[in-house]
Amino acid sequence: MTAAAFFYGTLMSPVVRNRVLCGADASVDHHELKNSKIKPQHAVLKGHRRHALKGRDYPAVVYTGDDKDEVTGILVQGLHALDVNRLDAFEGPEYKRTPVQVTAISDDQDGQQEPVDCDVYLWIGDKGILEEQGWNLEDFVNGGKQKDWLQDRCEFFSVDDLDIHHNNN
């Protein structure tokens, strides 16, 4: 059985997503194989709002219940239990995996839309650090933060720890 998840922050970046799902030492072939199985596509989550977080490079999404509020992101289907474990570790205790329904938007010319059940990681951390403004993937990637993350590895510590424990068993 496979799962689906909606990503609205750093995991929209294929580079970060591959790092989390495939590990630090995965080959380009492994990344390509994983991406062929998880089928990323554009999607919209209604009734929620994305916020930048004070002092953090990543965003949060919170439920508002207002259909005028919507978050654009990436829907990924075909995730296996190990993938979900890796995502849970990456997101950490300030996020809660929560079932939602998103509208998937096809990438072909007609832009067909269809509802899809999936999980999203909602912010359950300190509401006091939610910024009023949103968060932008382009700023994360082009502003050098993604590069810093990939070199530093501390953002991936919990995921890497899973690999260490798995390899020692």
Protein backbone atom coordinates (compact mmCIF):
# COMPACT_ATOMS: atom_id res chain seq x y z
CA MET A 1 0.00 0.00 0.00
CA THR A 2 1.28 3.44 -0.85
CA ALA A 3 0.61 6.89 0.57
CA ALA A 4 0.40 10.42 -0.78
CA ALA A 5 1.65 13.69 0.71
CA PHE A 6 1.34 17.38 -0.09
CA PHE A 7 4.54 19.41 0.20
CA TYR A 8 4.43 23.20 0.52
CA GLY A 9 7.92 24.16 1.65
CA THR A 10 11.47 22.92 1.26
CA LEU A 11 10.23 19.50 0.08
CA MET A 12 8.89 21.15 -3.08
CA SER A 13 12.53 21.32 -4.13
CA PRO A 14 13.44 18.09 -5.95
CA VAL A 15 16.95 18.32 -4.50
CA VAL A 16 15.74 18.49 -0.88
CA ARG A 17 13.02 15.89 -1.53
CA ASN A 18 15.58 13.48 -3.02
CA ARG A 19 17.93 14.07 -0.09
CA VAL A 20 15.18 13.21 2.40
CA LEU A 21 13.66 10.25 0.55
CA CYS A 22 16.85 8.70 -0.85
CA GLY A 23 19.53 9.57 1.71
CA ALA A 24 22.86 11.36 1.60
CA ASP A 25 24.76 8.82 -0.47
CA ALA A 26 22.13 7.89 -3.06
CA SER A 27 23.16 7.83 -6.71
CA VAL A 28 21.60 9.89 -9.48
CA ASP A 29 20.07 6.64 -10.78
CA HIS A 30 18.43 6.05 -7.40
CA HIS A 31 17.00 9.60 -7.45
CA GLU A 32 15.63 9.08 -10.96
CA LEU A 33 14.07 5.74 -10.03
CA LYS A 34 12.45 7.22 -6.90
CA ASN A 35 11.08 10.21 -8.85
CA SER A 36 9.59 7.92 -11.49
CA LYS A 37 7.66 6.08 -8.77
CA ILE A 38 6.38 9.00 -6.69
CA LYS A 39 4.84 11.04 -9.50
CA PRO A 40 5.19 14.65 -8.25
CA GLN A 41 2.57 17.07 -9.58
CA HIS A 42 1.28 20.56 -8.80
CA ALA A 43 -1.61 20.81 -6.35
CA VAL A 44 -3.58 23.28 -4.23
CA LEU A 45 -4.67 22.93 -0.60
CA LYS A 46 -7.71 25.08 0.25
CA GLY A 47 -8.66 26.32 3.71
CA HIS A 48 -5.04 26.61 4.83
CA ARG A 49 -2.39 29.31 4.87
CA ARG A 50 1.41 29.16 4.49
CA HIS A 51 3.52 31.33 6.80
CA ALA A 52 7.21 32.10 7.00
CA LEU A 53 8.63 31.31 10.43
CA LYS A 54 10.71 33.80 12.42
CA GLY A 55 14.35 32.75 12.36
CA ARG A 56 13.74 29.66 10.22
CA ASP A 57 14.44 28.85 6.57
CA TYR A 58 11.28 26.77 6.17
CA PRO A 59 7.55 27.53 6.35
CA ALA A 60 4.52 26.34 8.24
CA VAL A 61 0.97 25.70 7.09
CA VAL A 62 -1.99 26.17 9.40
CA TYR A 63 -5.67 25.40 8.97
CA THR A 64 -7.93 28.45 8.57
CA GLY A 65 -11.15 26.87 7.32
CA ASP A 66 -11.54 29.71 4.81
CA ASP A 67 -11.68 28.45 1.20
CA LYS A 68 -10.26 31.80 0.07
CA ASP A 69 -7.01 30.76 1.75
CA GLU A 70 -5.04 28.33 -0.36
CA VAL A 71 -1.55 26.93 -0.52
CA THR A 72 0.13 25.86 -3.74
CA GLY A 73 2.56 22.99 -3.58
CA ILE A 74 3.53 19.57 -4.84
CA LEU A 75 1.49 16.39 -4.46
CA VAL A 76 3.59 13.23 -4.28
CA GLN A 77 1.89 9.86 -4.63
CA GLY A 78 3.37 6.37 -4.41
CA LEU A 79 5.17 6.83 -1.09
CA HIS A 80 6.02 3.67 0.85
CA ALA A 81 6.12 3.21 4.64
CA LEU A 82 9.89 3.85 4.73
CA ASP A 83 9.36 7.11 2.82
CA VAL A 84 6.73 8.22 5.33
CA ASN A 85 9.06 7.34 8.22
CA ARG A 86 11.78 9.47 6.62
CA LEU A 87 9.34 12.36 6.13
CA ASP A 88 8.13 12.11 9.74
CA ALA A 89 11.74 12.25 10.95
CA PHE A 90 12.55 15.21 8.70
CA GLU A 91 9.49 17.23 9.75
CA GLY A 92 10.05 16.61 13.45
CA PRO A 93 7.82 17.26 16.46
CA GLU A 94 6.63 20.74 15.45
CA TYR A 95 4.57 19.27 12.61
CA LYS A 96 1.71 16.78 12.63
CA ARG A 97 0.96 14.55 9.65
CA THR A 98 -2.73 15.20 8.98
CA PRO A 99 -5.11 13.82 6.33
CA VAL A 100 -6.45 16.41 3.87
CA GLN A 101 -7.80 16.62 0.35
CA VAL A 102 -5.93 18.63 -2.26
CA THR A 103 -6.75 19.53 -5.83
CA ALA A 104 -4.19 17.98 -8.15
CA ILE A 105 -3.53 19.98 -11.32
CA SER A 106 -2.36 18.07 -14.37
CA ASP A 107 0.66 19.43 -16.17
CA ASP A 108 -0.85 19.00 -19.63
CA GLN A 109 -2.51 21.80 -21.58
CA ASP A 110 -6.04 21.31 -20.26
CA GLY A 111 -4.91 21.73 -16.62
CA GLN A 112 -7.47 19.16 -15.50
CA GLN A 113 -8.11 19.23 -11.75
CA GLU A 114 -8.99 16.32 -9.52
CA PRO A 115 -9.37 15.90 -5.75
CA VAL A 116 -6.83 13.62 -4.08
CA ASP A 117 -6.69 12.41 -0.48
CA CYS A 118 -3.24 12.77 1.05
CA ASP A 119 -1.37 13.86 4.17
CA VAL A 120 0.09 17.27 4.92
CA TYR A 121 2.44 18.24 7.73
CA LEU A 122 0.58 20.95 9.67
CA TRP A 123 2.39 23.26 12.08
CA ILE A 124 1.68 22.46 15.75
CA GLY A 125 4.68 24.37 17.09
CA ASP A 126 4.85 27.83 18.63
CA LYS A 127 2.23 30.01 16.90
CA GLY A 128 4.15 33.07 18.09
CA ILE A 129 6.83 32.56 15.43
CA LEU A 130 4.38 32.55 12.51
CA GLU A 131 5.12 35.52 10.26
CA GLU A 132 2.26 37.32 8.55
CA GLN A 133 3.95 37.04 5.15
CA GLY A 134 4.16 33.82 3.19
CA TRP A 135 7.22 31.79 2.24
CA ASN A 136 8.77 31.46 -1.22
CA LEU A 137 10.63 28.45 -2.63
CA GLU A 138 12.54 30.60 -5.12
CA ASP A 139 13.99 32.67 -2.27
CA PHE A 140 15.06 29.48 -0.48
CA VAL A 141 16.74 28.04 -3.59
CA ASN A 142 18.16 31.19 -5.20
CA GLY A 143 19.07 32.90 -1.93
CA GLY A 144 21.58 30.16 -1.11
CA LYS A 145 19.69 28.60 1.79
CA GLN A 146 19.13 25.30 -0.03
CA LYS A 147 22.86 25.06 -0.80
CA ASP A 148 23.70 25.76 2.85
CA TRP A 149 21.26 23.07 3.98
CA LEU A 150 22.73 20.46 1.66
CA GLN A 151 26.29 21.22 2.78
CA ASP A 152 25.56 21.53 6.50
CA ARG A 153 23.53 18.31 6.88
CA CYS A 154 22.14 19.36 10.29
CA GLU A 155 18.67 19.82 8.76
CA PHE A 156 18.80 16.14 7.78
CA PHE A 157 20.17 14.76 11.05
CA SER A 158 16.99 12.88 12.00
CA VAL A 159 16.71 11.31 8.55
CA ASP A 160 20.40 10.35 8.50
CA ASP A 161 19.97 8.84 11.96
CA LEU A 162 17.34 6.48 10.51
CA ASP A 163 19.89 5.33 7.91
CA ILE A 164 22.54 4.71 10.58
CA HIS A 165 20.15 2.60 12.68
CA HIS A 166 18.88 0.74 9.61
CA ASN A 167 22.43 -0.08 8.44
CA ASN A 168 23.46 -1.29 11.91
CA ASN A 169 20.62 -3.83 12.10
